[in-house]
Amino acid sequence: MRNELSFRLMDTHAGGDVSRIVLGGIDTLPGATVRAQMEYLRDDADGLRRLLLNEPHGIPEMSVDLIVPATDVEAQAGYIIMEVMGYPIYSGSNTICTATALLESGIIPKREGVQHFTLEAPAGLVHIEARVENGVVEAITCGGLPSYIDTYRATVHVPLLGNVTYSVAYSGGFYALVDAIDLGFHLTRDEERDLANCAHKIVEAIQAGQGFSHYTLGDVGPLPFLHFMGPVEQVADDFFRSRSTTYVHPGVICRSTTGTGTSARLALLHHEGRMKAGDRLETVSLRETGFIGTIIGTRQEGSHQVLENTITGKGYVLARSEVVVNCEDPMVECTGLHHILTSGHPPAEE
C-alpha cells in the first residue's frame, strides 16, 4: 500500500448541521478521561480536525465527532467534538448526531420504542433518550448543559451599527443574545451573509470590551457565539416558538438553531419570567428546521440561577463511507495524523 491512512465515517445532520461521525480507524488516545483525550487532540494532534473540515475532504461549516471508548463506567461510549473554532466541550446538535450514529451503526444496539443510555462528552456525562419507530431513530433527547444568564441587557457600541443591546448566557459556551428585529433582520435565508457579518462586528466589540468567566470552569476563552432571536409566539399553554439563528465563526451561520443556542434562549426567557419549568421552546432556523428545548428546573449556584434543560431533535444519516487519506496528495496535510490513525483499511462495518 502507498502512503495511505484510512478510517470509517458516518455523515449525519440534525437541523441541517452536518456532523461527520468517525466510527473507527483511530488509535487509542492518551488520557484518563474523554476531556483529557480531547485536550490531547487539541494540543498535540489537531490534524484530524483540520483534515475533515478543510478541502478536499470537508468544509468549515461541518462538525466532526470522534467516537472513543468511555472512561466512566456509567457511559456506553465517549465522543469528542471538533469544529472550525476548535474543540467545544459540548454541543446539542453534535450530541443528537452522535447518538443517532451510534444506534444506526449498531455500536449501541437499537431497540424499538424508547430507550435510554449515557454518553461521555468532554463536558461530562450526557443522558440520552432515543425514540425508535419501525427501526428508525425518530427523535433524540439529550441533556443540555446547565445554563444561566451572565449579563442582562447591556449595551455596546459597534462600529457601523451604533449601540447594540445584548444579553450573555452560558450554555456550554458564552452566547451573546440579540434581538433580530432591532437589528433589521427577519431571519430569512437570504439574510445569511448579512447576519454573519453583523454578528462578527458585535462579537468583536463585546470581546474588546470585556471577558467572561464561568462560575466553576473559570476562564473559558473569549465569547465566541451570537444568537439572533426572533419574536416569541405562544403556541399552547406550555409551548412556545421562535425563529432563531446562531453565529459560530467568521462567515459561519449554523444551519440549525443549535442545541446550546436553544439552551441559552431558554435561560433568557426564564430569567425574564416568560417561561417556567415544564415549558418548551421550539427554535426555528433559516432553513425551517427546529430543535425543542424543555426547561426541567432550576437551582441556585452562588449568585447564578442555573437552568436544567433538555434538547430534542432528529438526526438523519447522509452517508456511510471509508475516507482514504493519501499523504502524497498535495491537497492533504498529514502532519499530526500518523500517530493517531491506524494504517490500512478499518474492519468492515457489521
Foldseek 3Di string as FASTA:
>chain_A
DAQKFKFWWWWKFWLQAIEIETDDQWAAADDLAQLRSLVCCQPFFVQVLCQCCDPPNHHQSHKYKYWAAGNDPQALTEIWIAHPVGTQQDWQGNVQQVVQCCPVLCSPDDDAAWDWGWYQTSVGIKIWIFHADPNHGAKIKIWWAWKWWDAAFDWFQFPPQGIFTWTWMDTSAIETEGEQVVSPDPQAPVCLQVVLVVVVRVQVRVQVPDADADPPRGGPDRHFKYKHWYDWDDPDPQEIETEMWMHGHRRHIHSHSIPSNLVRVVNVCVVVVNHAAQHKYWYAHNVRGTKIKGFHHWDDDPPIIITIIMIMTHMDTDDIDMDMQRCVDPRRDCVSPPVTGHHDGDDDRD
